[in-house]
């Protein structure tokens, strides 16, 4: 499997996912459960790795995150300067 790296991170959406999750007072475990209900099988540790930028995020996972967190998909890609 190819290892993806963008300026030292495996994804650019992790910080936004964390921001949206915290805004909704949702734990990583709760987020993982809601994703699992959408048939996206990831656990709390995977959510943590995504938020830290340590894990690649698949396109279907991004869609699930945007739906569960009720944020625009494109908002996840906005990078703070």
PDB file of N, CA and C in Angstrom:
ATOM      1  N   UNK A   1       0.841  -1.187   0.000  1.00  0.00           N
ATOM      2  CA  UNK A   1       0.000   0.000   0.000  1.00  0.00           C
ATOM      3  C   UNK A   1       0.878   1.240   0.000  1.00  0.00           C
ATOM      4  N   UNK A   2       0.510   2.217  -0.776  1.00  0.00           N
ATOM      5  CA  UNK A   2       1.250   3.466  -0.847  1.00  0.00           C
ATOM      6  C   UNK A   2       1.036   4.259   0.448  1.00  0.00           C
ATOM      7  N   UNK A   3       2.094   4.826   0.948  1.00  0.00           N
ATOM      8  CA  UNK A   3       2.019   5.679   2.131  1.00  0.00           C
ATOM      9  C   UNK A   3       1.825   7.121   1.661  1.00  0.00           C
ATOM     10  N   UNK A   4       0.755   7.755   2.115  1.00  0.00           N
ATOM     11  CA  UNK A   4       0.469   9.128   1.729  1.00  0.00           C
ATOM     12  C   UNK A   4       1.012  10.082   2.770  1.00  0.00           C
ATOM     13  N   UNK A   5       1.580  11.190   2.288  1.00  0.00           N
ATOM     14  CA  UNK A   5       2.167  12.176   3.193  1.00  0.00           C
ATOM     15  C   UNK A   5       1.981  13.558   2.592  1.00  0.00           C
ATOM     16  N   UNK A   6       1.382  14.455   3.351  1.00  0.00           N
ATOM     17  CA  UNK A   6       1.196  15.830   2.921  1.00  0.00           C
ATOM     18  C   UNK A   6       1.771  16.731   4.007  1.00  0.00           C
ATOM     19  N   UNK A   7       2.946  17.248   3.763  1.00  0.00           N
ATOM     20  CA  UNK A   7       3.629  18.098   4.750  1.00  0.00           C
ATOM     21  C   UNK A   7       3.706  17.431   6.116  1.00  0.00           C
ATOM     22  N   UNK A   8       4.054  16.158   6.131  1.00  0.00           N
ATOM     23  CA  UNK A   8       4.224  15.436   7.388  1.00  0.00           C
ATOM     24  C   UNK A   8       2.953  14.843   7.970  1.00  0.00           C
ATOM     25  N   UNK A   9       1.850  14.925   7.237  1.00  0.00           N
ATOM     26  CA  UNK A   9       0.577  14.406   7.732  1.00  0.00           C
ATOM     27  C   UNK A   9      -0.032  13.462   6.700  1.00  0.00           C
ATOM     28  N   UNK A  10      -0.777  12.492   7.170  1.00  0.00           N
ATOM     29  CA  UNK A  10      -1.429  11.544   6.269  1.00  0.00           C
ATOM     30  C   UNK A  10      -2.765  12.087   5.741  1.00  0.00           C
ATOM     31  N   UNK A  11      -3.259  13.189   6.313  1.00  0.00           N
ATOM     32  CA  UNK A  11      -4.502  13.805   5.831  1.00  0.00           C
ATOM     33  C   UNK A  11      -4.498  15.291   6.187  1.00  0.00           C
ATOM     34  N   UNK A  12      -5.399  16.038   5.571  1.00  0.00           N
ATOM     35  CA  UNK A  12      -5.522  17.464   5.883  1.00  0.00           C
ATOM     36  C   UNK A  12      -6.846  17.793   6.572  1.00  0.00           C
ATOM     37  N   UNK A  13      -7.650  16.790   6.832  1.00  0.00           N
ATOM     38  CA  UNK A  13      -8.977  17.015   7.406  1.00  0.00           C
ATOM     39  C   UNK A  13      -9.061  16.720   8.904  1.00  0.00           C
ATOM     40  N   UNK A  14      -8.046  16.121   9.474  1.00  0.00           N
ATOM     41  CA  UNK A  14      -8.093  15.695  10.867  1.00  0.00           C
ATOM     42  C   UNK A  14      -8.400  16.806  11.854  1.00  0.00           C
ATOM     43  N   UNK A  15      -7.766  17.958  11.657  1.00  0.00           N
ATOM     44  CA  UNK A  15      -7.995  19.072  12.591  1.00  0.00           C
ATOM     45  C   UNK A  15      -9.431  19.571  12.525  1.00  0.00           C
ATOM     46  N   UNK A  16      -9.997  19.594  11.314  1.00  0.00           N
ATOM     47  CA  UNK A  16     -11.380  20.037  11.156  1.00  0.00           C
ATOM     48  C   UNK A  16     -12.359  19.029  11.746  1.00  0.00           C
ATOM     49  N   UNK A  17     -12.055  17.746  11.585  1.00  0.00           N
ATOM     50  CA  UNK A  17     -12.912  16.711  12.175  1.00  0.00           C
ATOM     51  C   UNK A  17     -12.926  16.875  13.687  1.00  0.00           C
ATOM     52  N   UNK A  18     -11.748  17.069  14.271  1.00  0.00           N
ATOM     53  CA  UNK A  18     -11.661  17.278  15.722  1.00  0.00           C
ATOM     54  C   UNK A  18     -12.445  18.525  16.147  1.00  0.00           C
ATOM     55  N   UNK A  19     -12.277  19.607  15.394  1.00  0.00           N
ATOM     56  CA  UNK A  19     -12.974  20.866  15.701  1.00  0.00           C
ATOM     57  C   UNK A  19     -14.493  20.674  15.690  1.00  0.00           C
ATOM     58  N   UNK A  20     -14.999  20.020  14.656  1.00  0.00           N
ATOM     59  CA  UNK A  20     -16.447  19.797  14.547  1.00  0.00           C
ATOM     60  C   UNK A  20     -16.945  18.860  15.640  1.00  0.00           C
ATOM     61  N   UNK A  21     -16.170  17.831  15.954  1.00  0.00           N
ATOM     62  CA  UNK A  21     -16.559  16.876  17.004  1.00  0.00           C
ATOM     63  C   UNK A  21     -16.636  17.577  18.351  1.00  0.00           C
ATOM     64  N   UNK A  22     -15.622  18.371  18.678  1.00  0.00           N
ATOM     65  CA  UNK A  22     -15.587  19.087  19.958  1.00  0.00           C
ATOM     66  C   UNK A  22     -16.748  20.078  20.061  1.00  0.00           C
ATOM     67  N   UNK A  23     -17.043  20.750  18.942  1.00  0.00           N
ATOM     68  CA  UNK A  23     -18.132  21.732  18.927  1.00  0.00           C
ATOM     69  C   UNK A  23     -19.462  21.079  19.279  1.00  0.00           C
ATOM     70  N   UNK A  24     -19.597  19.809  18.949  1.00  0.00           N
ATOM     71  CA  UNK A  24     -20.830  19.070  19.234  1.00  0.00           C
ATOM     72  C   UNK A  24     -20.764  18.295  20.544  1.00  0.00           C
ATOM     73  N   UNK A  25     -19.710  18.549  21.331  1.00  0.00           N
ATOM     74  CA  UNK A  25     -19.508  17.861  22.613  1.00  0.00           C
ATOM     75  C   UNK A  25     -19.610  16.342  22.457  1.00  0.00           C
ATOM     76  N   UNK A  26     -18.968  15.841  21.431  1.00  0.00           N
ATOM     77  CA  UNK A  26     -19.015  14.419  21.105  1.00  0.00           C
ATOM     78  C   UNK A  26     -17.644  13.808  21.376  1.00  0.00           C
ATOM     79  N   UNK A  27     -17.623  12.665  22.007  1.00  0.00           N
ATOM     80  CA  UNK A  27     -16.355  11.974  22.240  1.00  0.00           C
ATOM     81  C   UNK A  27     -15.933  11.251  20.957  1.00  0.00           C
ATOM     82  N   UNK A  28     -14.686  10.854  20.918  1.00  0.00           N
ATOM     83  CA  UNK A  28     -14.197  10.075  19.780  1.00  0.00           C
ATOM     84  C   UNK A  28     -14.955   8.758  19.684  1.00  0.00           C
ATOM     85  N   UNK A  29     -15.250   8.162  20.817  1.00  0.00           N
ATOM     86  CA  UNK A  29     -16.000   6.903  20.842  1.00  0.00           C
ATOM     87  C   UNK A  29     -17.403   7.091  20.274  1.00  0.00           C
ATOM     88  N   UNK A  30     -18.075   8.179  20.660  1.00  0.00           N
ATOM     89  CA  UNK A  30     -19.420   8.454  20.139  1.00  0.00           C
ATOM     90  C   UNK A  30     -19.388   8.664  18.626  1.00  0.00           C
ATOM     91  N   UNK A  31     -18.367   9.375  18.160  1.00  0.00           N
ATOM     92  CA  UNK A  31     -18.220   9.598  16.723  1.00  0.00           C
ATOM     93  C   UNK A  31     -18.023   8.272  15.996  1.00  0.00           C
ATOM     94  N   UNK A  32     -17.164   7.417  16.538  1.00  0.00           N
ATOM     95  CA  UNK A  32     -16.920   6.109  15.927  1.00  0.00           C
ATOM     96  C   UNK A  32     -18.205   5.285  15.862  1.00  0.00           C
ATOM     97  N   UNK A  33     -18.992   5.316  16.920  1.00  0.00           N
ATOM     98  CA  UNK A  33     -20.254   4.559  16.949  1.00  0.00           C
ATOM     99  C   UNK A  33     -21.221   5.074  15.883  1.00  0.00           C
ATOM    100  N   UNK A  34     -21.334   6.402  15.765  1.00  0.00           N
ATOM    101  CA  UNK A  34     -22.233   6.981  14.763  1.00  0.00           C
ATOM    102  C   UNK A  34     -21.779   6.626  13.351  1.00  0.00           C
ATOM    103  N   UNK A  35     -20.473   6.572  13.137  1.00  0.00           N
ATOM    104  CA  UNK A  35     -19.952   6.165  11.834  1.00  0.00           C
ATOM    105  C   UNK A  35     -20.245   4.687  11.575  1.00  0.00           C
ATOM    106  N   UNK A  36     -20.108   3.872  12.616  1.00  0.00           N
ATOM    107  CA  UNK A  36     -20.394   2.443  12.476  1.00  0.00           C
ATOM    108  C   UNK A  36     -21.853   2.208  12.109  1.00  0.00           C
ATOM    109  N   UNK A  37     -22.753   3.046  12.625  1.00  0.00           N
ATOM    110  CA  UNK A  37     -24.167   2.938  12.273  1.00  0.00           C
ATOM    111  C   UNK A  37     -24.401   3.252  10.796  1.00  0.00           C
ATOM    112  N   UNK A  38     -23.454   3.939  10.172  1.00  0.00           N
ATOM    113  CA  UNK A  38     -23.501   4.218   8.736  1.00  0.00           C
ATOM    114  C   UNK A  38     -22.674   3.203   7.955  1.00  0.00           C
ATOM    115  N   UNK A  39     -22.298   2.114   8.623  1.00  0.00           N
ATOM    116  CA  UNK A  39     -21.521   1.026   8.020  1.00  0.00           C
ATOM    117  C   UNK A  39     -20.092   1.435   7.667  1.00  0.00           C
ATOM    118  N   UNK A  40     -19.560   2.405   8.394  1.00  0.00           N
ATOM    119  CA  UNK A  40     -18.157   2.790   8.272  1.00  0.00           C
ATOM    120  C   UNK A  40     -17.483   2.265   9.528  1.00  0.00           C
ATOM    121  N   UNK A  41     -16.818   1.142   9.393  1.00  0.00           N
ATOM    122  CA  UNK A  41     -16.320   0.416  10.551  1.00  0.00           C
ATOM    123  C   UNK A  41     -14.935   0.924  10.966  1.00  0.00           C
ATOM    124  N   UNK A  42     -14.955   1.892  11.868  1.00  0.00           N
ATOM    125  CA  UNK A  42     -13.728   2.388  12.495  1.00  0.00           C
ATOM    126  C   UNK A  42     -13.996   2.555  13.985  1.00  0.00           C
ATOM    127  N   UNK A  43     -12.965   2.469  14.774  1.00  0.00           N
ATOM    128  CA  UNK A  43     -13.092   2.602  16.213  1.00  0.00           C
ATOM    129  C   UNK A  43     -12.526   3.919  16.723  1.00  0.00           C
ATOM    130  N   UNK A  44     -12.570   4.096  18.023  1.00  0.00           N
ATOM    131  CA  UNK A  44     -12.093   5.322  18.666  1.00  0.00           C
ATOM    132  C   UNK A  44     -10.626   5.570  18.371  1.00  0.00           C
ATOM    133  N   UNK A  45      -9.809   4.529  18.386  1.00  0.00           N
ATOM    134  CA  UNK A  45      -8.373   4.707  18.136  1.00  0.00           C
ATOM    135  C   UNK A  45      -8.113   5.193  16.719  1.00  0.00           C
ATOM    136  N   UNK A  46      -8.914   4.741  15.773  1.00  0.00           N
ATOM    137  CA  UNK A  46      -8.774   5.201  14.390  1.00  0.00           C
ATOM    138  C   UNK A  46      -9.171   6.667  14.284  1.00  0.00           C
ATOM    139  N   UNK A  47     -10.252   7.060  14.956  1.00  0.00           N
ATOM    140  CA  UNK A  47     -10.664   8.465  14.969  1.00  0.00           C
ATOM    141  C   UNK A  47      -9.532   9.314  15.527  1.00  0.00           C
ATOM    142  N   UNK A  48      -8.912   8.869  16.599  1.00  0.00           N
ATOM    143  CA  UNK A  48      -7.791   9.585  17.197  1.00  0.00           C
ATOM    144  C   UNK A  48      -6.638   9.744  16.203  1.00  0.00           C
ATOM    145  N   UNK A  49      -6.292   8.673  15.508  1.00  0.00           N
ATOM    146  CA  UNK A  49      -5.198   8.718  14.532  1.00  0.00           C
ATOM    147  C   UNK A  49      -5.537   9.650  13.365  1.00  0.00           C
ATOM    148  N   UNK A  50      -6.796   9.665  12.955  1.00  0.00           N
ATOM    149  CA  UNK A  50      -7.209  10.575  11.880  1.00  0.00           C
ATOM    150  C   UNK A  50      -7.075  12.016  12.343  1.00  0.00           C
ATOM    151  N   UNK A  51      -7.562  12.307  13.549  1.00  0.00           N
ATOM    152  CA  UNK A  51      -7.484  13.671  14.068  1.00  0.00           C
ATOM    153  C   UNK A  51      -6.043  14.140  14.230  1.00  0.00           C
ATOM    154  N   UNK A  52      -5.138  13.244  14.538  1.00  0.00           N
ATOM    155  CA  UNK A  52      -3.717  13.587  14.680  1.00  0.00           C
ATOM    156  C   UNK A  52      -3.000  13.664  13.338  1.00  0.00           C
ATOM    157  N   UNK A  53      -3.674  13.266  12.268  1.00  0.00           N
ATOM    158  CA  UNK A  53      -3.052  13.278  10.951  1.00  0.00           C
ATOM    159  C   UNK A  53      -2.157  12.086  10.703  1.00  0.00           C
ATOM    160  N   UNK A  54      -2.341  11.029  11.474  1.00  0.00           N
ATOM    161  CA  UNK A  54      -1.499   9.835  11.359  1.00  0.00           C
ATOM    162  C   UNK A  54      -2.086   8.790  10.419  1.00  0.00           C
ATOM    163  N   UNK A  55      -3.334   8.971   9.993  1.00  0.00           N
ATOM    164  CA  UNK A  55      -4.002   7.962   9.155  1.00  0.00           C
ATOM    165  C   UNK A  55      -4.673   8.614   7.957  1.00  0.00           C
ATOM    166  N   UNK A  56      -4.520   7.969   6.820  1.00  0.00           N
ATOM    167  CA  UNK A  56      -5.197   8.367   5.594  1.00  0.00           C
ATOM    168  C   UNK A  56      -6.706   8.232   5.790  1.00  0.00           C
ATOM    169  N   UNK A  57      -7.488   9.093   5.131  1.00  0.00           N
ATOM    170  CA  UNK A  57      -8.949   9.032   5.225  1.00  0.00           C
ATOM    171  C   UNK A  57      -9.503   8.739   3.832  1.00  0.00           C
ATOM    172  N   UNK A  58     -10.263   7.659   3.719  1.00  0.00           N
ATOM    173  CA  UNK A  58     -10.868   7.282   2.441  1.00  0.00           C
ATOM    174  C   UNK A  58     -12.028   8.217   2.108  1.00  0.00           C
ATOM    175  N   UNK A  59     -12.380   8.279   0.831  1.00  0.00           N
ATOM    176  CA  UNK A  59     -13.448   9.173   0.393  1.00  0.00           C
ATOM    177  C   UNK A  59     -14.790   8.856   1.057  1.00  0.00           C
ATOM    178  N   UNK A  60     -15.124   7.584   1.186  1.00  0.00           N
ATOM    179  CA  UNK A  60     -16.401   7.234   1.821  1.00  0.00           C
ATOM    180  C   UNK A  60     -16.388   7.574   3.308  1.00  0.00           C
ATOM    181  N   UNK A  61     -15.215   7.530   3.937  1.00  0.00           N
ATOM    182  CA  UNK A  61     -15.114   7.927   5.345  1.00  0.00           C
ATOM    183  C   UNK A  61     -15.328   9.430   5.474  1.00  0.00           C
ATOM    184  N   UNK A  62     -14.770  10.213   4.546  1.00  0.00           N
ATOM    185  CA  UNK A  62     -14.969  11.665   4.565  1.00  0.00           C
ATOM    186  C   UNK A  62     -16.447  12.014   4.466  1.00  0.00           C
ATOM    187  N   UNK A  63     -17.140  11.340   3.580  1.00  0.00           N
ATOM    188  CA  UNK A  63     -18.578  11.583   3.438  1.00  0.00           C
ATOM    189  C   UNK A  63     -19.298  11.258   4.745  1.00  0.00           C
ATOM    190  N   UNK A  64     -18.936  10.153   5.377  1.00  0.00           N
ATOM    191  CA  UNK A  64     -19.533   9.779   6.655  1.00  0.00           C
ATOM    192  C   UNK A  64     -19.260  10.807   7.740  1.00  0.00           C
ATOM    193  N   UNK A  65     -18.017  11.276   7.822  1.00  0.00           N
ATOM    194  CA  UNK A  65     -17.681  12.305   8.817  1.00  0.00           C
ATOM    195  C   UNK A  65     -18.524  13.555   8.591  1.00  0.00           C
ATOM    196  N   UNK A  66     -18.643  14.003   7.332  1.00  0.00           N
ATOM    197  CA  UNK A  66     -19.406  15.224   7.067  1.00  0.00           C
ATOM    198  C   UNK A  66     -20.881  15.048   7.434  1.00  0.00           C
ATOM    199  N   UNK A  67     -21.434  13.862   7.185  1.00  0.00           N
ATOM    200  CA  UNK A  67     -22.836  13.612   7.507  1.00  0.00           C
ATOM    201  C   UNK A  67     -23.056  13.523   9.014  1.00  0.00           C
ATOM    202  N   UNK A  68     -22.220  12.757   9.700  1.00  0.00           N
ATOM    203  CA  UNK A  68     -22.382  12.572  11.143  1.00  0.00           C
ATOM    204  C   UNK A  68     -22.140  13.881  11.898  1.00  0.00           C
ATOM    205  N   UNK A  69     -21.148  14.648  11.449  1.00  0.00           N
ATOM    206  CA  UNK A  69     -20.815  15.901  12.135  1.00  0.00           C
ATOM    207  C   UNK A  69     -21.639  17.076  11.623  1.00  0.00           C
ATOM    208  N   UNK A  70     -22.460  16.817  10.597  1.00  0.00           N
ATOM    209  CA  UNK A  70     -23.326  17.840  10.021  1.00  0.00           C
ATOM    210  C   UNK A  70     -22.542  19.075   9.570  1.00  0.00           C
ATOM    211  N   UNK A  71     -21.472  18.811   8.811  1.00  0.00           N
ATOM    212  CA  UNK A  71     -20.678  19.894   8.240  1.00  0.00           C
ATOM    213  C   UNK A  71     -20.565  19.669   6.733  1.00  0.00           C
ATOM    214  N   UNK A  72     -20.348  20.749   6.013  1.00  0.00           N
ATOM    215  CA  UNK A  72     -20.154  20.663   4.582  1.00  0.00           C
ATOM    216  C   UNK A  72     -18.855  19.909   4.291  1.00  0.00           C
ATOM    217  N   UNK A  73     -18.910  19.031   3.328  1.00  0.00           N
ATOM    218  CA  UNK A  73     -17.742  18.236   2.964  1.00  0.00           C
ATOM    219  C   UNK A  73     -16.550  19.134   2.627  1.00  0.00           C
ATOM    220  N   UNK A  74     -16.797  20.209   1.920  1.00  0.00           N
ATOM    221  CA  UNK A  74     -15.709  21.105   1.527  1.00  0.00           C
ATOM    222  C   UNK A  74     -15.112  21.848   2.717  1.00  0.00           C
ATOM    223  N   UNK A  75     -15.908  22.072   3.749  1.00  0.00           N
ATOM    224  CA  UNK A  75     -15.407  22.742   4.956  1.00  0.00           C
ATOM    225  C   UNK A  75     -14.282  21.930   5.586  1.00  0.00           C
ATOM    226  N   UNK A  76     -14.382  20.609   5.497  1.00  0.00           N
ATOM    227  CA  UNK A  76     -13.342  19.750   6.074  1.00  0.00           C
ATOM    228  C   UNK A  76     -11.979  20.002   5.448  1.00  0.00           C
ATOM    229  N   UNK A  77     -11.964  20.485   4.209  1.00  0.00           N
ATOM    230  CA  UNK A  77     -10.703  20.703   3.505  1.00  0.00           C
ATOM    231  C   UNK A  77     -10.123  22.085   3.702  1.00  0.00           C
ATOM    232  N   UNK A  78     -10.840  22.980   4.360  1.00  0.00           N
ATOM    233  CA  UNK A  78     -10.318  24.321   4.598  1.00  0.00           C
ATOM    234  C   UNK A  78      -9.146  24.246   5.555  1.00  0.00           C
ATOM    235  N   UNK A  79      -8.090  24.925   5.209  1.00  0.00           N
ATOM    236  CA  UNK A  79      -6.876  24.882   6.019  1.00  0.00           C
ATOM    237  C   UNK A  79      -6.683  26.245   6.683  1.00  0.00           C
ATOM    238  N   UNK A  80      -6.528  26.233   8.013  1.00  0.00           N
ATOM    239  CA  UNK A  80      -6.240  27.463   8.752  1.00  0.00           C
ATOM    240  C   UNK A  80      -4.825  27.901   8.433  1.00  0.00           C
ATOM    241  N   UNK A  81      -4.641  29.182   8.265  1.00  0.00           N
ATOM    242  CA  UNK A  81      -3.299  29.713   7.941  1.00  0.00           C
ATOM    243  C   UNK A  81      -2.622  30.232   9.173  1.00  0.00           C
TER     244      UNK A  81
END
